[in-house]
């Protein structure tokens, strides 16, 4: 079935995005464009909805998935986490783009 690949990618993207948003995964803070990992959450959910819409034949579900990607994932990928981000990020001493040892 052709929908297996996007479904697996959607599940992995949702898990990584959720882990980054809740603060369980903070490895993204050491990367130059690591803040784009937040976009994985709506991207993964959108991909899963698109696959569900294709498999079931209900086009509205797929269109909701596309809307989630376009209206949520793209803006999250373009905005830095200090503009819109998780609640733990402003209290953190970690900042994107900063090099050196963290304490």
PDB file of N, CA and C in Angstrom:
ATOM      1  N   UNK A   1       0.840  -1.173   0.000  1.00  0.00           N
ATOM      2  CA  UNK A   1       0.000   0.000   0.000  1.00  0.00           C
ATOM      3  C   UNK A   1       0.887   1.239   0.000  1.00  0.00           C
ATOM      4  N   UNK A   2       0.541   2.230  -0.785  1.00  0.00           N
ATOM      5  CA  UNK A   2       1.357   3.425  -0.925  1.00  0.00           C
ATOM      6  C   UNK A   2       1.232   4.385   0.247  1.00  0.00           C
ATOM      7  N   UNK A   3       0.264   4.221   1.092  1.00  0.00           N
ATOM      8  CA  UNK A   3       0.038   5.152   2.196  1.00  0.00           C
ATOM      9  C   UNK A   3       0.839   4.796   3.440  1.00  0.00           C
ATOM     10  N   UNK A   4       1.566   3.697   3.424  1.00  0.00           N
ATOM     11  CA  UNK A   4       2.294   3.263   4.615  1.00  0.00           C
ATOM     12  C   UNK A   4       3.451   4.211   4.931  1.00  0.00           C
ATOM     13  N   UNK A   5       4.203   4.623   3.914  1.00  0.00           N
ATOM     14  CA  UNK A   5       5.349   5.513   4.124  1.00  0.00           C
ATOM     15  C   UNK A   5       4.960   6.854   4.743  1.00  0.00           C
ATOM     16  N   UNK A   6       3.997   7.576   4.147  1.00  0.00           N
ATOM     17  CA  UNK A   6       3.577   8.838   4.763  1.00  0.00           C
ATOM     18  C   UNK A   6       2.972   8.662   6.162  1.00  0.00           C
ATOM     19  N   UNK A   7       2.298   7.542   6.392  1.00  0.00           N
ATOM     20  CA  UNK A   7       1.710   7.305   7.717  1.00  0.00           C
ATOM     21  C   UNK A   7       2.804   7.107   8.764  1.00  0.00           C
ATOM     22  N   UNK A   8       3.828   6.336   8.426  1.00  0.00           N
ATOM     23  CA  UNK A   8       4.939   6.127   9.370  1.00  0.00           C
ATOM     24  C   UNK A   8       5.676   7.431   9.605  1.00  0.00           C
ATOM     25  N   UNK A   9       5.936   8.203   8.545  1.00  0.00           N
ATOM     26  CA  UNK A   9       6.596   9.493   8.707  1.00  0.00           C
ATOM     27  C   UNK A   9       5.739  10.426   9.559  1.00  0.00           C
ATOM     28  N   UNK A  10       4.429  10.399   9.364  1.00  0.00           N
ATOM     29  CA  UNK A  10       3.532  11.229  10.164  1.00  0.00           C
ATOM     30  C   UNK A  10       3.565  10.857  11.639  1.00  0.00           C
ATOM     31  N   UNK A  11       3.608   9.566  11.934  1.00  0.00           N
ATOM     32  CA  UNK A  11       3.682   9.123  13.332  1.00  0.00           C
ATOM     33  C   UNK A  11       5.004   9.548  13.986  1.00  0.00           C
ATOM     34  N   UNK A  12       6.113   9.373  13.256  1.00  0.00           N
ATOM     35  CA  UNK A  12       7.421   9.764  13.797  1.00  0.00           C
ATOM     36  C   UNK A  12       7.493  11.276  13.978  1.00  0.00           C
ATOM     37  N   UNK A  13       7.013  12.031  12.993  1.00  0.00           N
ATOM     38  CA  UNK A  13       7.036  13.489  13.088  1.00  0.00           C
ATOM     39  C   UNK A  13       6.181  13.975  14.251  1.00  0.00           C
ATOM     40  N   UNK A  14       5.031  13.367  14.455  1.00  0.00           N
ATOM     41  CA  UNK A  14       4.179  13.738  15.586  1.00  0.00           C
ATOM     42  C   UNK A  14       4.871  13.449  16.911  1.00  0.00           C
ATOM     43  N   UNK A  15       5.508  12.300  17.022  1.00  0.00           N
ATOM     44  CA  UNK A  15       6.189  11.935  18.273  1.00  0.00           C
ATOM     45  C   UNK A  15       7.360  12.867  18.564  1.00  0.00           C
ATOM     46  N   UNK A  16       8.171  13.176  17.565  1.00  0.00           N
ATOM     47  CA  UNK A  16       9.322  14.064  17.773  1.00  0.00           C
ATOM     48  C   UNK A  16       8.852  15.487  18.081  1.00  0.00           C
ATOM     49  N   UNK A  17       7.858  15.969  17.346  1.00  0.00           N
ATOM     50  CA  UNK A  17       7.330  17.310  17.604  1.00  0.00           C
ATOM     51  C   UNK A  17       6.708  17.433  18.984  1.00  0.00           C
ATOM     52  N   UNK A  18       5.996  16.416  19.420  1.00  0.00           N
ATOM     53  CA  UNK A  18       5.395  16.424  20.750  1.00  0.00           C
ATOM     54  C   UNK A  18       6.459  16.369  21.835  1.00  0.00           C
ATOM     55  N   UNK A  19       7.503  15.572  21.619  1.00  0.00           N
ATOM     56  CA  UNK A  19       8.597  15.502  22.593  1.00  0.00           C
ATOM     57  C   UNK A  19       9.331  16.834  22.691  1.00  0.00           C
ATOM     58  N   UNK A  20       9.509  17.526  21.575  1.00  0.00           N
ATOM     59  CA  UNK A  20      10.177  18.832  21.604  1.00  0.00           C
ATOM     60  C   UNK A  20       9.294  19.885  22.271  1.00  0.00           C
ATOM     61  N   UNK A  21       8.002  19.830  21.994  1.00  0.00           N
ATOM     62  CA  UNK A  21       7.081  20.830  22.554  1.00  0.00           C
ATOM     63  C   UNK A  21       6.958  20.679  24.073  1.00  0.00           C
ATOM     64  N   UNK A  22       6.943  19.453  24.565  1.00  0.00           N
ATOM     65  CA  UNK A  22       6.800  19.233  26.005  1.00  0.00           C
ATOM     66  C   UNK A  22       8.117  19.375  26.752  1.00  0.00           C
ATOM     67  N   UNK A  23       9.235  19.434  26.031  1.00  0.00           N
ATOM     68  CA  UNK A  23      10.531  19.607  26.675  1.00  0.00           C
ATOM     69  C   UNK A  23      11.253  18.305  26.953  1.00  0.00           C
ATOM     70  N   UNK A  24      10.691  17.192  26.560  1.00  0.00           N
ATOM     71  CA  UNK A  24      11.364  15.902  26.759  1.00  0.00           C
ATOM     72  C   UNK A  24      12.565  15.765  25.825  1.00  0.00           C
ATOM     73  N   UNK A  25      12.493  16.383  24.650  1.00  0.00           N
ATOM     74  CA  UNK A  25      13.616  16.391  23.711  1.00  0.00           C
ATOM     75  C   UNK A  25      14.047  17.838  23.529  1.00  0.00           C
ATOM     76  N   UNK A  26      15.246  18.167  24.005  1.00  0.00           N
ATOM     77  CA  UNK A  26      15.769  19.527  23.865  1.00  0.00           C
ATOM     78  C   UNK A  26      17.026  19.581  23.016  1.00  0.00           C
ATOM     79  N   UNK A  27      17.300  18.505  22.301  1.00  0.00           N
ATOM     80  CA  UNK A  27      18.471  18.467  21.445  1.00  0.00           C
ATOM     81  C   UNK A  27      18.396  19.452  20.284  1.00  0.00           C
ATOM     82  N   UNK A  28      17.191  19.875  19.938  1.00  0.00           N
ATOM     83  CA  UNK A  28      17.013  20.826  18.844  1.00  0.00           C
ATOM     84  C   UNK A  28      17.634  22.177  19.164  1.00  0.00           C
ATOM     85  N   UNK A  29      17.851  22.489  20.440  1.00  0.00           N
ATOM     86  CA  UNK A  29      18.379  23.803  20.808  1.00  0.00           C
ATOM     87  C   UNK A  29      19.833  23.969  20.408  1.00  0.00           C
ATOM     88  N   UNK A  30      20.531  22.886  20.116  1.00  0.00           N
ATOM     89  CA  UNK A  30      21.931  22.967  19.721  1.00  0.00           C
ATOM     90  C   UNK A  30      22.105  23.073  18.211  1.00  0.00           C
ATOM     91  N   UNK A  31      21.042  23.107  17.472  1.00  0.00           N
ATOM     92  CA  UNK A  31      21.119  23.173  16.011  1.00  0.00           C
ATOM     93  C   UNK A  31      20.758  24.571  15.534  1.00  0.00           C
ATOM     94  N   UNK A  32      21.290  24.955  14.386  1.00  0.00           N
ATOM     95  CA  UNK A  32      21.069  26.309  13.865  1.00  0.00           C
ATOM     96  C   UNK A  32      19.591  26.564  13.571  1.00  0.00           C
ATOM     97  N   UNK A  33      18.951  25.653  12.879  1.00  0.00           N
ATOM     98  CA  UNK A  33      17.527  25.811  12.570  1.00  0.00           C
ATOM     99  C   UNK A  33      16.704  24.767  13.314  1.00  0.00           C
ATOM    100  N   UNK A  34      17.112  24.462  14.522  1.00  0.00           N
ATOM    101  CA  UNK A  34      16.445  23.436  15.305  1.00  0.00           C
ATOM    102  C   UNK A  34      15.035  23.782  15.718  1.00  0.00           C
ATOM    103  N   UNK A  35      14.726  25.082  15.758  1.00  0.00           N
ATOM    104  CA  UNK A  35      13.380  25.476  16.176  1.00  0.00           C
ATOM    105  C   UNK A  35      12.322  24.998  15.195  1.00  0.00           C
ATOM    106  N   UNK A  36      12.720  24.583  14.009  1.00  0.00           N
ATOM    107  CA  UNK A  36      11.754  24.081  13.042  1.00  0.00           C
ATOM    108  C   UNK A  36      11.181  22.728  13.452  1.00  0.00           C
ATOM    109  N   UNK A  37      11.754  22.121  14.498  1.00  0.00           N
ATOM    110  CA  UNK A  37      11.249  20.832  14.967  1.00  0.00           C
ATOM    111  C   UNK A  37       9.829  20.977  15.521  1.00  0.00           C
ATOM    112  N   UNK A  38       9.440  22.170  15.956  1.00  0.00           N
ATOM    113  CA  UNK A  38       8.070  22.380  16.436  1.00  0.00           C
ATOM    114  C   UNK A  38       7.055  22.185  15.317  1.00  0.00           C
ATOM    115  N   UNK A  39       7.457  22.448  14.096  1.00  0.00           N
ATOM    116  CA  UNK A  39       6.544  22.290  12.969  1.00  0.00           C
ATOM    117  C   UNK A  39       6.245  20.824  12.685  1.00  0.00           C
ATOM    118  N   UNK A  40       7.030  19.923  13.248  1.00  0.00           N
ATOM    119  CA  UNK A  40       6.792  18.503  13.009  1.00  0.00           C
ATOM    120  C   UNK A  40       5.482  18.022  13.631  1.00  0.00           C
ATOM    121  N   UNK A  41       5.050  18.657  14.715  1.00  0.00           N
ATOM    122  CA  UNK A  41       3.808  18.222  15.358  1.00  0.00           C
ATOM    123  C   UNK A  41       2.601  18.412  14.436  1.00  0.00           C
ATOM    124  N   UNK A  42       2.302  19.632  13.955  1.00  0.00           N
ATOM    125  CA  UNK A  42       1.158  19.743  13.034  1.00  0.00           C
ATOM    126  C   UNK A  42       1.407  19.093  11.678  1.00  0.00           C
ATOM    127  N   UNK A  43       2.686  19.007  11.252  1.00  0.00           N
ATOM    128  CA  UNK A  43       2.982  18.321   9.997  1.00  0.00           C
ATOM    129  C   UNK A  43       2.640  16.837  10.103  1.00  0.00           C
ATOM    130  N   UNK A  44       3.023  16.220  11.209  1.00  0.00           N
ATOM    131  CA  UNK A  44       2.727  14.800  11.400  1.00  0.00           C
ATOM    132  C   UNK A  44       1.246  14.520  11.506  1.00  0.00           C
ATOM    133  N   UNK A  45       0.549  15.360  12.254  1.00  0.00           N
ATOM    134  CA  UNK A  45      -0.908  15.179  12.377  1.00  0.00           C
ATOM    135  C   UNK A  45      -1.579  15.410  11.024  1.00  0.00           C
ATOM    136  N   UNK A  46      -1.113  16.417  10.295  1.00  0.00           N
ATOM    137  CA  UNK A  46      -1.674  16.684   8.971  1.00  0.00           C
ATOM    138  C   UNK A  46      -1.448  15.540   8.002  1.00  0.00           C
ATOM    139  N   UNK A  47      -0.244  14.960   8.026  1.00  0.00           N
ATOM    140  CA  UNK A  47       0.024  13.808   7.159  1.00  0.00           C
ATOM    141  C   UNK A  47      -0.858  12.618   7.516  1.00  0.00           C
ATOM    142  N   UNK A  48      -1.040  12.397   8.804  1.00  0.00           N
ATOM    143  CA  UNK A  48      -1.898  11.279   9.218  1.00  0.00           C
ATOM    144  C   UNK A  48      -3.334  11.500   8.768  1.00  0.00           C
ATOM    145  N   UNK A  49      -3.812  12.730   8.870  1.00  0.00           N
ATOM    146  CA  UNK A  49      -5.171  13.026   8.412  1.00  0.00           C
ATOM    147  C   UNK A  49      -5.296  12.887   6.903  1.00  0.00           C
ATOM    148  N   UNK A  50      -4.258  13.304   6.178  1.00  0.00           N
ATOM    149  CA  UNK A  50      -4.292  13.152   4.722  1.00  0.00           C
ATOM    150  C   UNK A  50      -4.353  11.679   4.327  1.00  0.00           C
ATOM    151  N   UNK A  51      -3.529  10.859   4.973  1.00  0.00           N
ATOM    152  CA  UNK A  51      -3.535   9.423   4.671  1.00  0.00           C
ATOM    153  C   UNK A  51      -4.881   8.809   5.041  1.00  0.00           C
ATOM    154  N   UNK A  52      -5.430   9.204   6.170  1.00  0.00           N
ATOM    155  CA  UNK A  52      -6.745   8.694   6.572  1.00  0.00           C
ATOM    156  C   UNK A  52      -7.813   9.092   5.562  1.00  0.00           C
ATOM    157  N   UNK A  53      -7.734  10.313   5.060  1.00  0.00           N
ATOM    158  CA  UNK A  53      -8.688  10.750   4.044  1.00  0.00           C
ATOM    159  C   UNK A  53      -8.571   9.981   2.745  1.00  0.00           C
ATOM    160  N   UNK A  54      -7.330   9.646   2.360  1.00  0.00           N
ATOM    161  CA  UNK A  54      -7.125   8.874   1.132  1.00  0.00           C
ATOM    162  C   UNK A  54      -7.611   7.435   1.300  1.00  0.00           C
ATOM    163  N   UNK A  55      -7.263   6.832   2.445  1.00  0.00           N
ATOM    164  CA  UNK A  55      -7.617   5.428   2.664  1.00  0.00           C
ATOM    165  C   UNK A  55      -9.129   5.249   2.800  1.00  0.00           C
ATOM    166  N   UNK A  56      -9.784   6.149   3.525  1.00  0.00           N
ATOM    167  CA  UNK A  56     -11.226   6.006   3.737  1.00  0.00           C
ATOM    168  C   UNK A  56     -12.054   6.577   2.590  1.00  0.00           C
ATOM    169  N   UNK A  57     -11.468   7.439   1.786  1.00  0.00           N
ATOM    170  CA  UNK A  57     -12.212   8.056   0.700  1.00  0.00           C
ATOM    171  C   UNK A  57     -12.995   9.285   1.117  1.00  0.00           C
ATOM    172  N   UNK A  58     -12.835   9.713   2.362  1.00  0.00           N
ATOM    173  CA  UNK A  58     -13.523  10.916   2.846  1.00  0.00           C
ATOM    174  C   UNK A  58     -12.575  12.096   2.620  1.00  0.00           C
ATOM    175  N   UNK A  59     -12.860  12.880   1.602  1.00  0.00           N
ATOM    176  CA  UNK A  59     -11.952  13.939   1.192  1.00  0.00           C
ATOM    177  C   UNK A  59     -11.863  15.079   2.202  1.00  0.00           C
ATOM    178  N   UNK A  60     -12.888  15.281   2.985  1.00  0.00           N
ATOM    179  CA  UNK A  60     -12.870  16.357   3.976  1.00  0.00           C
ATOM    180  C   UNK A  60     -11.769  16.138   5.017  1.00  0.00           C
ATOM    181  N   UNK A  61     -11.542  14.899   5.395  1.00  0.00           N
ATOM    182  CA  UNK A  61     -10.489  14.604   6.375  1.00  0.00           C
ATOM    183  C   UNK A  61      -9.125  14.955   5.792  1.00  0.00           C
ATOM    184  N   UNK A  62      -8.892  14.615   4.539  1.00  0.00           N
ATOM    185  CA  UNK A  62      -7.641  14.962   3.880  1.00  0.00           C
ATOM    186  C   UNK A  62      -7.459  16.457   3.747  1.00  0.00           C
ATOM    187  N   UNK A  63      -8.550  17.170   3.492  1.00  0.00           N
ATOM    188  CA  UNK A  63      -8.469  18.627   3.370  1.00  0.00           C
ATOM    189  C   UNK A  63      -8.168  19.282   4.711  1.00  0.00           C
ATOM    190  N   UNK A  64      -8.672  18.730   5.792  1.00  0.00           N
ATOM    191  CA  UNK A  64      -8.329  19.229   7.131  1.00  0.00           C
ATOM    192  C   UNK A  64      -6.846  18.996   7.403  1.00  0.00           C
ATOM    193  N   UNK A  65      -6.315  17.877   6.958  1.00  0.00           N
ATOM    194  CA  UNK A  65      -4.891  17.603   7.107  1.00  0.00           C
ATOM    195  C   UNK A  65      -4.043  18.592   6.334  1.00  0.00           C
ATOM    196  N   UNK A  66      -4.440  18.897   5.107  1.00  0.00           N
ATOM    197  CA  UNK A  66      -3.710  19.889   4.309  1.00  0.00           C
ATOM    198  C   UNK A  66      -3.785  21.256   4.966  1.00  0.00           C
ATOM    199  N   UNK A  67      -4.943  21.607   5.507  1.00  0.00           N
ATOM    200  CA  UNK A  67      -5.088  22.899   6.195  1.00  0.00           C
ATOM    201  C   UNK A  67      -4.208  22.953   7.443  1.00  0.00           C
ATOM    202  N   UNK A  68      -4.080  21.850   8.158  1.00  0.00           N
ATOM    203  CA  UNK A  68      -3.212  21.821   9.340  1.00  0.00           C
ATOM    204  C   UNK A  68      -1.767  22.059   8.956  1.00  0.00           C
ATOM    205  N   UNK A  69      -1.355  21.483   7.835  1.00  0.00           N
ATOM    206  CA  UNK A  69       0.022  21.683   7.385  1.00  0.00           C
ATOM    207  C   UNK A  69       0.235  23.122   6.943  1.00  0.00           C
ATOM    208  N   UNK A  70      -0.677  23.650   6.148  1.00  0.00           N
ATOM    209  CA  UNK A  70      -0.482  24.995   5.609  1.00  0.00           C
ATOM    210  C   UNK A  70      -0.681  26.095   6.648  1.00  0.00           C
ATOM    211  N   UNK A  71      -1.653  25.931   7.528  1.00  0.00           N
ATOM    212  CA  UNK A  71      -1.977  27.001   8.470  1.00  0.00           C
ATOM    213  C   UNK A  71      -1.249  26.901   9.806  1.00  0.00           C
ATOM    214  N   UNK A  72      -0.731  25.725  10.149  1.00  0.00           N
ATOM    215  CA  UNK A  72      -0.039  25.565  11.427  1.00  0.00           C
ATOM    216  C   UNK A  72       1.437  25.234  11.271  1.00  0.00           C
ATOM    217  N   UNK A  73       1.757  24.266  10.431  1.00  0.00           N
ATOM    218  CA  UNK A  73       3.150  23.823  10.323  1.00  0.00           C
ATOM    219  C   UNK A  73       4.038  24.868   9.657  1.00  0.00           C
ATOM    220  N   UNK A  74       3.563  25.486   8.598  1.00  0.00           N
ATOM    221  CA  UNK A  74       4.394  26.466   7.894  1.00  0.00           C
ATOM    222  C   UNK A  74       4.691  27.685   8.776  1.00  0.00           C
ATOM    223  N   UNK A  75       3.704  28.288   9.452  1.00  0.00           N
ATOM    224  CA  UNK A  75       4.060  29.414  10.331  1.00  0.00           C
ATOM    225  C   UNK A  75       4.961  29.001  11.494  1.00  0.00           C
ATOM    226  N   UNK A  76       4.761  27.821  12.060  1.00  0.00           N
ATOM    227  CA  UNK A  76       5.642  27.366  13.136  1.00  0.00           C
ATOM    228  C   UNK A  76       7.069  27.155  12.651  1.00  0.00           C
ATOM    229  N   UNK A  77       7.232  26.748  11.405  1.00  0.00           N
ATOM    230  CA  UNK A  77       8.573  26.553  10.856  1.00  0.00           C
ATOM    231  C   UNK A  77       9.270  27.889  10.605  1.00  0.00           C
ATOM    232  N   UNK A  78       8.503  28.929  10.368  1.00  0.00           N
ATOM    233  CA  UNK A  78       9.101  30.225  10.051  1.00  0.00           C
ATOM    234  C   UNK A  78       9.341  31.103  11.269  1.00  0.00           C
ATOM    235  N   UNK A  79       8.601  30.886  12.350  1.00  0.00           N
ATOM    236  CA  UNK A  79       8.739  31.720  13.536  1.00  0.00           C
ATOM    237  C   UNK A  79       9.692  31.089  14.531  1.00  0.00           C
ATOM    238  N   UNK A  80      10.496  31.910  15.164  1.00  0.00           N
ATOM    239  CA  UNK A  80      11.417  31.431  16.200  1.00  0.00           C
ATOM    240  C   UNK A  80      10.615  31.032  17.435  1.00  0.00           C
ATOM    241  N   UNK A  81      11.143  30.128  18.264  1.00  0.00           N
ATOM    242  CA  UNK A  81      10.367  29.652  19.409  1.00  0.00           C
ATOM    243  C   UNK A  81      10.127  30.723  20.470  1.00  0.00           C
ATOM    244  N   UNK A  82      10.900  31.792  20.489  1.00  0.00           N
ATOM    245  CA  UNK A  82      10.613  32.832  21.469  1.00  0.00           C
ATOM    246  C   UNK A  82       9.405  33.666  21.050  1.00  0.00           C
ATOM    247  N   UNK A  83       9.013  33.617  19.781  1.00  0.00           N
ATOM    248  CA  UNK A  83       7.805  34.305  19.329  1.00  0.00           C
ATOM    249  C   UNK A  83       6.579  33.471  19.671  1.00  0.00           C
ATOM    250  N   UNK A  84       6.620  32.229  19.265  1.00  0.00           N
ATOM    251  CA  UNK A  84       5.547  31.294  19.592  1.00  0.00           C
ATOM    252  C   UNK A  84       6.225  29.971  19.898  1.00  0.00           C
ATOM    253  N   UNK A  85       6.046  29.490  21.074  1.00  0.00           N
ATOM    254  CA  UNK A  85       6.728  28.263  21.458  1.00  0.00           C
ATOM    255  C   UNK A  85       6.159  27.695  22.734  1.00  0.00           C
ATOM    256  N   UNK A  86       6.786  26.657  23.240  1.00  0.00           N
ATOM    257  CA  UNK A  86       6.264  26.001  24.435  1.00  0.00           C
ATOM    258  C   UNK A  86       6.469  26.861  25.676  1.00  0.00           C
ATOM    259  N   UNK A  87       5.735  26.537  26.725  1.00  0.00           N
ATOM    260  CA  UNK A  87       5.788  27.335  27.952  1.00  0.00           C
ATOM    261  C   UNK A  87       7.143  27.229  28.647  1.00  0.00           C
ATOM    262  N   UNK A  88       7.854  26.131  28.487  1.00  0.00           N
ATOM    263  CA  UNK A  88       9.122  25.964  29.184  1.00  0.00           C
ATOM    264  C   UNK A  88      10.241  26.758  28.531  1.00  0.00           C
ATOM    265  N   UNK A  89      10.096  27.155  27.257  1.00  0.00           N
ATOM    266  CA  UNK A  89      11.202  27.772  26.538  1.00  0.00           C
ATOM    267  C   UNK A  89      11.606  29.154  27.068  1.00  0.00           C
ATOM    268  N   UNK A  90      10.681  30.075  27.360  1.00  0.00           N
ATOM    269  CA  UNK A  90      11.121  31.391  27.863  1.00  0.00           C
ATOM    270  C   UNK A  90      11.841  31.313  29.206  1.00  0.00           C
ATOM    271  N   UNK A  91      11.513  30.351  30.053  1.00  0.00           N
ATOM    272  CA  UNK A  91      12.175  30.215  31.355  1.00  0.00           C
ATOM    273  C   UNK A  91      13.541  29.557  31.218  1.00  0.00           C
ATOM    274  N   UNK A  92      13.819  28.958  30.082  1.00  0.00           N
ATOM    275  CA  UNK A  92      15.064  28.235  29.878  1.00  0.00           C
ATOM    276  C   UNK A  92      16.204  29.197  29.574  1.00  0.00           C
ATOM    277  N   UNK A  93      17.406  28.815  29.962  1.00  0.00           N
ATOM    278  CA  UNK A  93      18.582  29.609  29.622  1.00  0.00           C
ATOM    279  C   UNK A  93      19.096  29.254  28.233  1.00  0.00           C
ATOM    280  N   UNK A  94      18.474  28.282  27.593  1.00  0.00           N
ATOM    281  CA  UNK A  94      18.867  27.834  26.266  1.00  0.00           C
ATOM    282  C   UNK A  94      18.299  28.807  25.240  1.00  0.00           C
ATOM    283  N   UNK A  95      19.119  29.237  24.317  1.00  0.00           N
ATOM    284  CA  UNK A  95      18.657  30.093  23.227  1.00  0.00           C
ATOM    285  C   UNK A  95      19.184  29.546  21.914  1.00  0.00           C
ATOM    286  N   UNK A  96      18.377  29.645  20.893  1.00  0.00           N
ATOM    287  CA  UNK A  96      18.741  29.116  19.589  1.00  0.00           C
ATOM    288  C   UNK A  96      19.879  29.936  19.017  1.00  0.00           C
ATOM    289  N   UNK A  97      20.876  29.240  18.453  1.00  0.00           N
ATOM    290  CA  UNK A  97      21.974  29.901  17.793  1.00  0.00           C
ATOM    291  C   UNK A  97      23.153  30.209  18.691  1.00  0.00           C
ATOM    292  N   UNK A  98      23.043  29.983  19.969  1.00  0.00           N
ATOM    293  CA  UNK A  98      24.120  30.275  20.890  1.00  0.00           C
ATOM    294  C   UNK A  98      25.046  29.080  20.973  1.00  0.00           C
ATOM    295  N   UNK A  99      26.336  29.324  20.865  1.00  0.00           N
ATOM    296  CA  UNK A  99      27.328  28.250  20.943  1.00  0.00           C
ATOM    297  C   UNK A  99      28.007  28.280  22.307  1.00  0.00           C
ATOM    298  N   UNK A 100      28.587  27.178  22.669  1.00  0.00           N
ATOM    299  CA  UNK A 100      29.300  27.124  23.928  1.00  0.00           C
ATOM    300  C   UNK A 100      28.703  26.066  24.837  1.00  0.00           C
ATOM    301  N   UNK A 101      29.259  26.000  26.026  1.00  0.00           N
ATOM    302  CA  UNK A 101      28.786  24.986  26.973  1.00  0.00           C
ATOM    303  C   UNK A 101      27.531  25.476  27.686  1.00  0.00           C
ATOM    304  N   UNK A 102      26.599  24.568  27.873  1.00  0.00           N
ATOM    305  CA  UNK A 102      25.414  24.904  28.634  1.00  0.00           C
ATOM    306  C   UNK A 102      25.617  24.455  30.080  1.00  0.00           C
ATOM    307  N   UNK A 103      25.044  25.168  30.986  1.00  0.00           N
ATOM    308  CA  UNK A 103      25.207  24.863  32.404  1.00  0.00           C
ATOM    309  C   UNK A 103      23.940  24.389  33.019  1.00  0.00           C
TER     310      UNK A 103
END
